[in-house]
């Protein structure tokens, strides 16, 4: 069975299937990469909680940043957020994001029970 939550015409924010939860890409508010990363990870936390999952259950994260010059700044926030011993498989690349003011987007797949 597939369960979808916060369903819109274009996408669902959460899709659950067979012990795996897929979150739509999350962006954050703020002027700096640090602020946007903190905000989007807080949004990931909220969606994971709603889905019955947590940071410790993240399987994979895909991160898009608008400028690779911001890689270290984003990683400082990410490294503080990921629980020790629970780092997921991860990829990070540079991409033109949906709006010019966006600096980072995080896409997460996690397990749930």
C-alpha atoms as a PDB file:
ATOM      1  CA  UNK A   1       0.000   0.000   0.000  1.00  0.00           C
ATOM      2  CA  UNK A   2       1.206   3.497  -0.837  1.00  0.00           C
ATOM      3  CA  UNK A   3       0.328   6.294   1.601  1.00  0.00           C
ATOM      4  CA  UNK A   4       0.603   9.917   0.508  1.00  0.00           C
ATOM      5  CA  UNK A   5       0.432  12.923   2.830  1.00  0.00           C
ATOM      6  CA  UNK A   6       0.078  16.622   2.127  1.00  0.00           C
ATOM      7  CA  UNK A   7      -0.975  15.883  -1.430  1.00  0.00           C
ATOM      8  CA  UNK A   8      -0.948  18.678  -3.972  1.00  0.00           C
ATOM      9  CA  UNK A   9      -1.550  18.701  -7.696  1.00  0.00           C
ATOM     10  CA  UNK A  10       2.187  18.605  -8.454  1.00  0.00           C
ATOM     11  CA  UNK A  11       3.550  16.511  -5.595  1.00  0.00           C
ATOM     12  CA  UNK A  12       3.025  14.972  -2.190  1.00  0.00           C
ATOM     13  CA  UNK A  13       5.285  16.148   0.630  1.00  0.00           C
ATOM     14  CA  UNK A  14       5.480  12.603   2.043  1.00  0.00           C
ATOM     15  CA  UNK A  15       5.094   9.236   0.315  1.00  0.00           C
ATOM     16  CA  UNK A  16       5.310   6.061   2.408  1.00  0.00           C
ATOM     17  CA  UNK A  17       5.674   2.567   0.980  1.00  0.00           C
ATOM     18  CA  UNK A  18       6.876  -0.731   2.401  1.00  0.00           C
ATOM     19  CA  UNK A  19       8.912   0.696   5.299  1.00  0.00           C
ATOM     20  CA  UNK A  20      10.406   3.572   3.304  1.00  0.00           C
ATOM     21  CA  UNK A  21       9.437   7.238   3.410  1.00  0.00           C
ATOM     22  CA  UNK A  22      10.242   9.616   0.565  1.00  0.00           C
ATOM     23  CA  UNK A  23      10.183  13.349   1.211  1.00  0.00           C
ATOM     24  CA  UNK A  24       9.812  15.997  -1.439  1.00  0.00           C
ATOM     25  CA  UNK A  25      12.742  18.391  -1.761  1.00  0.00           C
ATOM     26  CA  UNK A  26      12.972  20.887   1.075  1.00  0.00           C
ATOM     27  CA  UNK A  27      14.242  24.438   0.828  1.00  0.00           C
ATOM     28  CA  UNK A  28      14.573  27.000   3.578  1.00  0.00           C
ATOM     29  CA  UNK A  29      14.226  30.679   4.315  1.00  0.00           C
ATOM     30  CA  UNK A  30      17.047  33.055   5.114  1.00  0.00           C
ATOM     31  CA  UNK A  31      19.713  35.161   3.484  1.00  0.00           C
ATOM     32  CA  UNK A  32      22.728  32.875   3.994  1.00  0.00           C
ATOM     33  CA  UNK A  33      23.441  29.257   3.129  1.00  0.00           C
ATOM     34  CA  UNK A  34      23.676  28.581   6.872  1.00  0.00           C
ATOM     35  CA  UNK A  35      20.199  30.012   7.550  1.00  0.00           C
ATOM     36  CA  UNK A  36      18.608  28.258   4.578  1.00  0.00           C
ATOM     37  CA  UNK A  37      20.228  24.922   5.445  1.00  0.00           C
ATOM     38  CA  UNK A  38      19.126  25.161   9.093  1.00  0.00           C
ATOM     39  CA  UNK A  39      15.577  25.993   8.043  1.00  0.00           C
ATOM     40  CA  UNK A  40      15.271  23.279   5.414  1.00  0.00           C
ATOM     41  CA  UNK A  41      16.660  20.667   7.839  1.00  0.00           C
ATOM     42  CA  UNK A  42      14.094  21.772  10.433  1.00  0.00           C
ATOM     43  CA  UNK A  43      11.451  21.171   7.765  1.00  0.00           C
ATOM     44  CA  UNK A  44      12.934  17.717   7.089  1.00  0.00           C
ATOM     45  CA  UNK A  45      12.729  16.987  10.842  1.00  0.00           C
ATOM     46  CA  UNK A  46       9.042  17.972  10.907  1.00  0.00           C
ATOM     47  CA  UNK A  47       8.171  15.816   7.889  1.00  0.00           C
ATOM     48  CA  UNK A  48      10.119  12.845   9.239  1.00  0.00           C
ATOM     49  CA  UNK A  49       8.262  13.117  12.544  1.00  0.00           C
ATOM     50  CA  UNK A  50       4.927  13.313  10.711  1.00  0.00           C
ATOM     51  CA  UNK A  51       5.907  10.180   8.766  1.00  0.00           C
ATOM     52  CA  UNK A  52       6.890   8.244  11.902  1.00  0.00           C
ATOM     53  CA  UNK A  53      10.610   8.446  11.157  1.00  0.00           C
ATOM     54  CA  UNK A  54      13.641  10.413  12.372  1.00  0.00           C
ATOM     55  CA  UNK A  55      17.136  11.615  11.496  1.00  0.00           C
ATOM     56  CA  UNK A  56      18.527   8.314  12.759  1.00  0.00           C
ATOM     57  CA  UNK A  57      16.546   6.473  10.090  1.00  0.00           C
ATOM     58  CA  UNK A  58      17.620   8.490   7.044  1.00  0.00           C
ATOM     59  CA  UNK A  59      18.852   6.157   4.323  1.00  0.00           C
ATOM     60  CA  UNK A  60      19.869   8.655   1.656  1.00  0.00           C
ATOM     61  CA  UNK A  61      20.124  12.400   1.207  1.00  0.00           C
ATOM     62  CA  UNK A  62      20.583  14.302  -2.027  1.00  0.00           C
ATOM     63  CA  UNK A  63      21.639  17.907  -1.633  1.00  0.00           C
ATOM     64  CA  UNK A  64      21.604  20.535  -4.347  1.00  0.00           C
ATOM     65  CA  UNK A  65      23.401  23.820  -3.760  1.00  0.00           C
ATOM     66  CA  UNK A  66      23.252  26.780  -6.095  1.00  0.00           C
ATOM     67  CA  UNK A  67      27.004  27.446  -5.808  1.00  0.00           C
ATOM     68  CA  UNK A  68      29.682  24.901  -4.846  1.00  0.00           C
ATOM     69  CA  UNK A  69      31.553  27.785  -3.196  1.00  0.00           C
ATOM     70  CA  UNK A  70      28.964  27.332  -0.402  1.00  0.00           C
ATOM     71  CA  UNK A  71      29.771  23.612   0.075  1.00  0.00           C
ATOM     72  CA  UNK A  72      31.779  24.022   3.310  1.00  0.00           C
ATOM     73  CA  UNK A  73      29.191  26.381   4.851  1.00  0.00           C
ATOM     74  CA  UNK A  74      26.347  23.970   4.084  1.00  0.00           C
ATOM     75  CA  UNK A  75      28.384  21.005   5.382  1.00  0.00           C
ATOM     76  CA  UNK A  76      29.026  22.760   8.715  1.00  0.00           C
ATOM     77  CA  UNK A  77      25.263  22.849   9.320  1.00  0.00           C
ATOM     78  CA  UNK A  78      24.723  19.338   7.945  1.00  0.00           C
ATOM     79  CA  UNK A  79      27.497  17.805  10.066  1.00  0.00           C
ATOM     80  CA  UNK A  80      26.044  19.337  13.254  1.00  0.00           C
ATOM     81  CA  UNK A  81      22.548  18.063  12.338  1.00  0.00           C
ATOM     82  CA  UNK A  82      23.307  14.424  11.449  1.00  0.00           C
ATOM     83  CA  UNK A  83      23.384  12.208  14.548  1.00  0.00           C
ATOM     84  CA  UNK A  84      26.773  10.630  15.143  1.00  0.00           C
ATOM     85  CA  UNK A  85      26.885   7.099  13.758  1.00  0.00           C
ATOM     86  CA  UNK A  86      23.807   7.650  11.558  1.00  0.00           C
ATOM     87  CA  UNK A  87      25.235   9.379   8.483  1.00  0.00           C
ATOM     88  CA  UNK A  88      23.164   8.401   5.427  1.00  0.00           C
ATOM     89  CA  UNK A  89      24.361   7.693   1.925  1.00  0.00           C
ATOM     90  CA  UNK A  90      24.659  11.176   0.443  1.00  0.00           C
ATOM     91  CA  UNK A  91      25.277  13.041  -2.778  1.00  0.00           C
ATOM     92  CA  UNK A  92      25.753  16.770  -3.247  1.00  0.00           C
ATOM     93  CA  UNK A  93      25.888  18.700  -6.468  1.00  0.00           C
ATOM     94  CA  UNK A  94      25.533  22.172  -7.883  1.00  0.00           C
ATOM     95  CA  UNK A  95      22.248  23.012  -9.592  1.00  0.00           C
ATOM     96  CA  UNK A  96      20.177  25.975 -10.638  1.00  0.00           C
ATOM     97  CA  UNK A  97      17.327  25.886  -8.121  1.00  0.00           C
ATOM     98  CA  UNK A  98      13.659  26.808  -8.653  1.00  0.00           C
ATOM     99  CA  UNK A  99      14.007  30.429  -7.519  1.00  0.00           C
ATOM    100  CA  UNK A 100      17.095  32.667  -7.682  1.00  0.00           C
ATOM    101  CA  UNK A 101      17.116  33.365  -3.932  1.00  0.00           C
ATOM    102  CA  UNK A 102      17.355  29.645  -3.068  1.00  0.00           C
ATOM    103  CA  UNK A 103      20.810  28.408  -2.124  1.00  0.00           C
ATOM    104  CA  UNK A 104      20.183  24.809  -0.993  1.00  0.00           C
ATOM    105  CA  UNK A 105      17.639  21.993  -1.398  1.00  0.00           C
ATOM    106  CA  UNK A 106      17.666  18.681   0.477  1.00  0.00           C
ATOM    107  CA  UNK A 107      15.870  15.501  -0.648  1.00  0.00           C
ATOM    108  CA  UNK A 108      15.602  12.693   1.911  1.00  0.00           C
ATOM    109  CA  UNK A 109      14.634   9.013   1.842  1.00  0.00           C
ATOM    110  CA  UNK A 110      14.288   7.293   5.206  1.00  0.00           C
ATOM    111  CA  UNK A 111      13.050   4.134   6.875  1.00  0.00           C
ATOM    112  CA  UNK A 112      10.041   4.100   9.209  1.00  0.00           C
ATOM    113  CA  UNK A 113       8.482   1.532  11.470  1.00  0.00           C
END
